[in-house]
Amino acid sequence: MTRGLFLCGTDTDVGKTAVAESILRELVRGGVAVGVCKPVASGVTADGGDPYRLWLAAGQPGTLADVCPQSFAAPLAPARAAAAEGRCIDEALLVSAVEAWRGRSGCVVVEGAGGLYSPLSPRMLNADLARTLGFPLVVCDDARLGAIGRTLAVVTAARSQGHQVAAVVLSEVSDPGSADADDPQSPAAIALSAVEDLAERLAPLPVAFLRHGAERIEPALDWMGLAGCGLM
């Protein structure tokens, strides 16, 4: 069976794409033939937005349309963004777009849209798509104040509904600047404290950190091994 990871957020704009890019580059460096899919995206700009970033990080496999077959310009929930263009979400394509990567990829990295329980269509949430695909989750959150509560809530809810959680990654979305890391109120100190607290509370679940502007997640994780933890 093809291995895969489903990246979900605690909310929108929490650094999922940066985390996905890092995972994709790590897999490519390891010689893995990667598949990459963002089944639906809204707020896509003329430069290709997040789907284009993912495609580049994966080494440009297939076409950009293979990565994201349903994209919309308005920065709204997918169904509303589609409606703004006189279109609707093709729910079957949400699944088939990912399935098309199976068989030609050693690992498929899927990035959801928004939070785990955000809607992709009138009838389907990210959680529904992840369950249909059978891929374990990588839960992402912005490494800012409140990350502990937000992340624990999503991990707990996901597990209660039978999802396998492979890892948690806090992504430093905003530049912490040159603030003193010894100052407990500084963004850098808050981020590191959140990572440490979550690692203790969720052990043995891997908890990692992606610094602002960094290419690699710390510590290095065995993404292929984690991608296989959802296989039956």
Protein backbone atom coordinates (compact mmCIF):
# COMPACT_ATOMS: atom_id res chain seq x y z
CA MET A 1 0.00 0.00 0.00
CA THR A 2 1.15 3.53 -0.76
CA ARG A 3 2.09 5.45 2.33
CA GLY A 4 0.76 8.92 2.99
CA LEU A 5 0.38 11.81 5.41
CA PHE A 6 -2.57 14.15 5.77
CA LEU A 7 -1.57 17.58 7.04
CA CYS A 8 -4.29 19.35 8.96
CA GLY A 9 -4.35 22.51 11.01
CA THR A 10 -5.93 23.61 14.23
CA ASP A 11 -7.23 26.53 12.14
CA THR A 12 -6.44 28.34 8.91
CA ASP A 13 -3.13 30.19 8.39
CA VAL A 14 -1.18 28.14 10.95
CA GLY A 15 1.78 27.26 8.73
CA LYS A 16 0.60 23.97 7.17
CA THR A 17 2.09 24.71 3.77
CA ALA A 18 5.52 25.53 5.21
CA VAL A 19 5.43 22.26 7.16
CA ALA A 20 4.33 20.33 4.05
CA GLU A 21 7.15 21.90 2.03
CA SER A 22 9.70 20.83 4.64
CA ILE A 23 8.39 17.26 4.74
CA LEU A 24 8.36 17.02 0.94
CA ARG A 25 11.94 18.28 0.63
CA GLU A 26 13.07 15.82 3.29
CA LEU A 27 11.43 12.91 1.48
CA VAL A 28 12.90 13.98 -1.86
CA ARG A 29 16.37 14.22 -0.29
CA GLY A 30 15.87 10.67 0.94
CA GLY A 31 15.21 9.44 -2.58
CA VAL A 32 11.47 8.92 -2.14
CA ALA A 33 9.20 9.34 -5.16
CA VAL A 34 6.68 11.71 -3.65
CA GLY A 35 3.13 12.52 -4.58
CA VAL A 36 1.65 15.79 -3.43
CA CYS A 37 -1.95 16.96 -3.39
CA LYS A 38 -3.98 19.85 -2.08
CA PRO A 39 -7.38 18.62 -3.26
CA VAL A 40 -8.95 22.07 -3.02
CA ALA A 41 -7.54 25.52 -2.37
CA SER A 42 -9.08 28.97 -2.06
CA GLY A 43 -7.39 32.34 -2.00
CA VAL A 44 -5.09 31.18 -4.81
CA THR A 45 -3.18 34.10 -6.30
CA ALA A 46 -1.87 34.59 -9.83
CA ASP A 47 1.52 33.13 -8.85
CA GLY A 48 -0.10 29.76 -8.05
CA GLY A 49 -0.15 30.23 -4.29
CA ASP A 50 0.21 27.26 -1.94
CA PRO A 51 -0.29 24.55 -4.62
CA TYR A 52 2.64 25.96 -6.59
CA ARG A 53 4.84 26.02 -3.47
CA LEU A 54 4.01 22.37 -2.77
CA TRP A 55 4.69 21.37 -6.38
CA LEU A 56 8.12 23.01 -6.30
CA ALA A 57 9.03 21.42 -2.96
CA ALA A 58 8.11 17.99 -4.33
CA GLY A 59 10.39 18.42 -7.34
CA GLN A 60 7.57 19.28 -9.78
CA PRO A 61 6.05 15.81 -10.24
CA GLY A 62 3.12 15.65 -12.64
CA THR A 63 1.44 18.95 -13.33
CA LEU A 64 0.19 21.76 -11.11
CA ALA A 65 -3.35 20.63 -11.94
CA ASP A 66 -2.46 17.18 -10.56
CA VAL A 67 -1.47 18.84 -7.29
CA CYS A 68 -4.59 20.99 -7.02
CA PRO A 69 -7.41 20.28 -9.49
CA GLN A 70 -9.85 22.62 -7.73
CA SER A 71 -8.61 26.13 -6.96
CA PHE A 72 -10.46 29.38 -6.42
CA ALA A 73 -9.44 33.01 -6.10
CA ALA A 74 -11.59 34.23 -3.22
CA PRO A 75 -10.04 33.80 0.26
CA LEU A 76 -13.15 32.07 1.60
CA ALA A 77 -14.18 28.58 2.64
CA PRO A 78 -13.87 26.38 -0.49
CA ALA A 79 -17.60 26.02 -1.15
CA ARG A 80 -18.15 29.77 -0.87
CA ALA A 81 -15.08 30.53 -2.98
CA ALA A 82 -16.38 28.16 -5.65
CA ALA A 83 -19.84 29.74 -5.53
CA ALA A 84 -18.29 33.17 -6.06
CA GLU A 85 -17.10 31.87 -9.45
CA GLY A 86 -20.38 30.16 -10.31
CA ARG A 87 -18.90 26.75 -9.58
CA CYS A 88 -19.33 24.04 -6.97
CA ILE A 89 -16.97 21.60 -5.27
CA ASP A 90 -16.64 18.21 -6.95
CA GLU A 91 -16.60 15.93 -3.90
CA ALA A 92 -15.58 12.84 -5.87
CA LEU A 93 -12.58 14.73 -7.22
CA LEU A 94 -11.43 15.54 -3.67
CA VAL A 95 -10.74 11.81 -3.27
CA SER A 96 -9.76 10.85 -6.82
CA ALA A 97 -7.17 13.66 -7.01
CA VAL A 98 -5.26 12.00 -4.17
CA GLU A 99 -5.88 8.45 -5.37
CA ALA A 100 -4.29 9.33 -8.72
CA TRP A 101 -0.92 9.57 -6.94
CA ARG A 102 -1.10 6.06 -5.51
CA GLY A 103 0.93 3.49 -7.39
CA ARG A 104 3.36 6.06 -8.79
CA SER A 105 4.53 7.43 -5.43
CA GLY A 106 6.27 5.97 -2.45
CA CYS A 107 4.57 8.51 -0.22
CA VAL A 108 1.73 10.96 -0.83
CA VAL A 109 1.65 14.20 1.16
CA VAL A 110 -1.83 15.72 1.31
CA GLU A 111 -2.49 19.20 2.64
CA GLY A 112 -6.01 19.93 3.78
CA ALA A 113 -7.70 23.32 3.66
CA GLY A 114 -8.02 25.03 7.02
CA GLY A 115 -8.52 23.11 10.24
CA LEU A 116 -9.22 19.41 10.63
CA TYR A 117 -12.93 20.10 11.09
CA SER A 118 -13.15 22.84 8.46
CA PRO A 119 -15.52 22.10 5.55
CA LEU A 120 -14.15 21.21 2.13
CA SER A 121 -17.63 21.03 0.63
CA PRO A 122 -21.21 21.21 1.91
CA ARG A 123 -21.00 17.56 3.04
CA MET A 124 -17.32 16.83 3.59
CA LEU A 125 -14.86 18.01 6.22
CA ASN A 126 -11.09 17.61 6.14
CA ALA A 127 -11.57 14.90 8.76
CA ASP A 128 -13.89 13.00 6.42
CA LEU A 129 -11.39 13.11 3.57
CA ALA A 130 -8.53 11.99 5.83
CA ARG A 131 -10.62 9.05 7.04
CA THR A 132 -11.54 8.06 3.48
CA LEU A 133 -7.90 8.12 2.42
CA GLY A 134 -6.71 6.24 5.52
CA PHE A 135 -3.65 8.43 5.99
CA PRO A 136 -2.35 9.34 9.46
CA LEU A 137 -2.52 12.99 10.48
CA VAL A 138 0.21 15.55 10.98
CA VAL A 139 -1.39 18.22 13.16
CA CYS A 140 0.01 21.71 12.59
CA ASP A 141 -0.42 24.86 14.62
CA ASP A 142 1.08 28.33 14.74
CA ALA A 143 3.77 28.48 17.43
CA ARG A 144 2.17 31.37 19.29
CA LEU A 145 0.28 31.86 22.53
CA GLY A 146 -2.54 29.32 22.81
CA ALA A 147 -0.81 26.60 20.79
CA ILE A 148 -0.96 24.11 23.64
CA GLY A 149 -4.72 24.32 24.09
CA ARG A 150 -5.49 24.42 20.38
CA THR A 151 -3.27 21.45 19.58
CA LEU A 152 -4.42 19.29 22.46
CA ALA A 153 -8.05 19.92 21.49
CA VAL A 154 -7.52 18.80 17.89
CA VAL A 155 -5.37 15.77 18.75
CA THR A 156 -7.88 14.65 21.39
CA ALA A 157 -10.85 15.11 19.04
CA ALA A 158 -9.06 13.33 16.18
CA ARG A 159 -8.15 10.34 18.31
CA SER A 160 -11.67 10.12 19.72
CA GLN A 161 -12.96 9.69 16.18
CA GLY A 162 -10.46 6.98 15.32
CA HIS A 163 -7.83 8.99 13.44
CA GLN A 164 -4.20 7.95 13.75
CA VAL A 165 -2.06 10.98 14.64
CA ALA A 166 1.49 10.59 13.33
CA ALA A 167 3.07 13.80 14.64
CA VAL A 168 2.52 17.38 15.75
CA VAL A 169 4.49 20.27 14.25
CA LEU A 170 4.40 23.83 15.55
CA SER A 171 5.25 26.29 12.79
CA GLU A 172 6.65 29.72 13.60
CA VAL A 173 4.46 31.67 11.18
CA SER A 174 5.59 35.14 12.27
CA ASP A 175 9.17 36.32 12.52
CA PRO A 176 10.03 36.43 16.26
CA GLY A 177 12.61 39.11 15.53
CA SER A 178 15.53 39.59 17.86
CA ALA A 179 13.54 39.36 21.09
CA ASP A 180 15.40 37.84 24.03
CA ALA A 181 14.56 34.14 24.21
CA ASP A 182 15.14 34.33 27.98
CA ASP A 183 12.18 36.70 28.28
CA PRO A 184 9.23 34.36 29.00
CA GLN A 185 6.87 36.76 27.20
CA SER A 186 8.89 36.87 23.98
CA PRO A 187 7.51 35.04 20.89
CA ALA A 188 10.61 32.83 20.77
CA ALA A 189 10.24 31.77 24.39
CA ILE A 190 6.51 31.11 24.02
CA ALA A 191 7.13 28.94 20.95
CA LEU A 192 9.84 26.83 22.57
CA SER A 193 7.82 26.46 25.77
CA ALA A 194 4.80 25.26 23.79
CA VAL A 195 6.88 22.64 21.98
CA GLU A 196 8.33 21.35 25.25
CA ASP A 197 4.96 21.28 27.00
CA LEU A 198 3.25 19.43 24.16
CA ALA A 199 6.10 16.93 23.87
CA GLU A 200 5.64 16.08 27.55
CA ARG A 201 1.85 15.90 27.46
CA LEU A 202 1.61 13.91 24.21
CA ALA A 203 4.58 11.54 24.63
CA PRO A 204 5.41 9.29 22.86
CA LEU A 205 3.79 11.18 19.98
CA PRO A 206 6.54 13.11 18.12
CA VAL A 207 6.30 16.89 18.56
CA ALA A 208 8.54 19.03 16.36
CA PHE A 209 9.19 22.68 15.51
CA LEU A 210 9.63 24.59 12.26
CA ARG A 211 11.35 27.91 12.87
CA HIS A 212 10.34 30.95 10.87
CA GLY A 213 12.10 30.89 7.50
CA ALA A 214 13.80 27.54 8.19
CA GLU A 215 13.79 24.69 5.68
CA ARG A 216 14.06 21.80 8.11
CA ILE A 217 11.82 20.69 10.93
CA GLU A 218 13.54 20.08 14.29
CA PRO A 219 14.17 17.42 15.37
CA ALA A 220 14.42 15.37 12.18
CA LEU A 221 11.62 12.79 12.01
CA ASP A 222 11.27 9.55 10.06
CA TRP A 223 8.45 10.73 7.81
CA MET A 224 8.30 7.50 5.80
CA GLY A 225 7.98 5.51 9.00
CA LEU A 226 5.30 7.86 10.34
CA ALA A 227 3.46 7.72 7.02
CA GLY A 228 3.20 3.97 7.45
CA CYS A 229 1.65 4.10 10.89
CA GLY A 230 -1.85 4.31 9.43
CA LEU A 231 -1.52 1.21 7.27
CA MET A 232 -3.62 -1.77 8.25
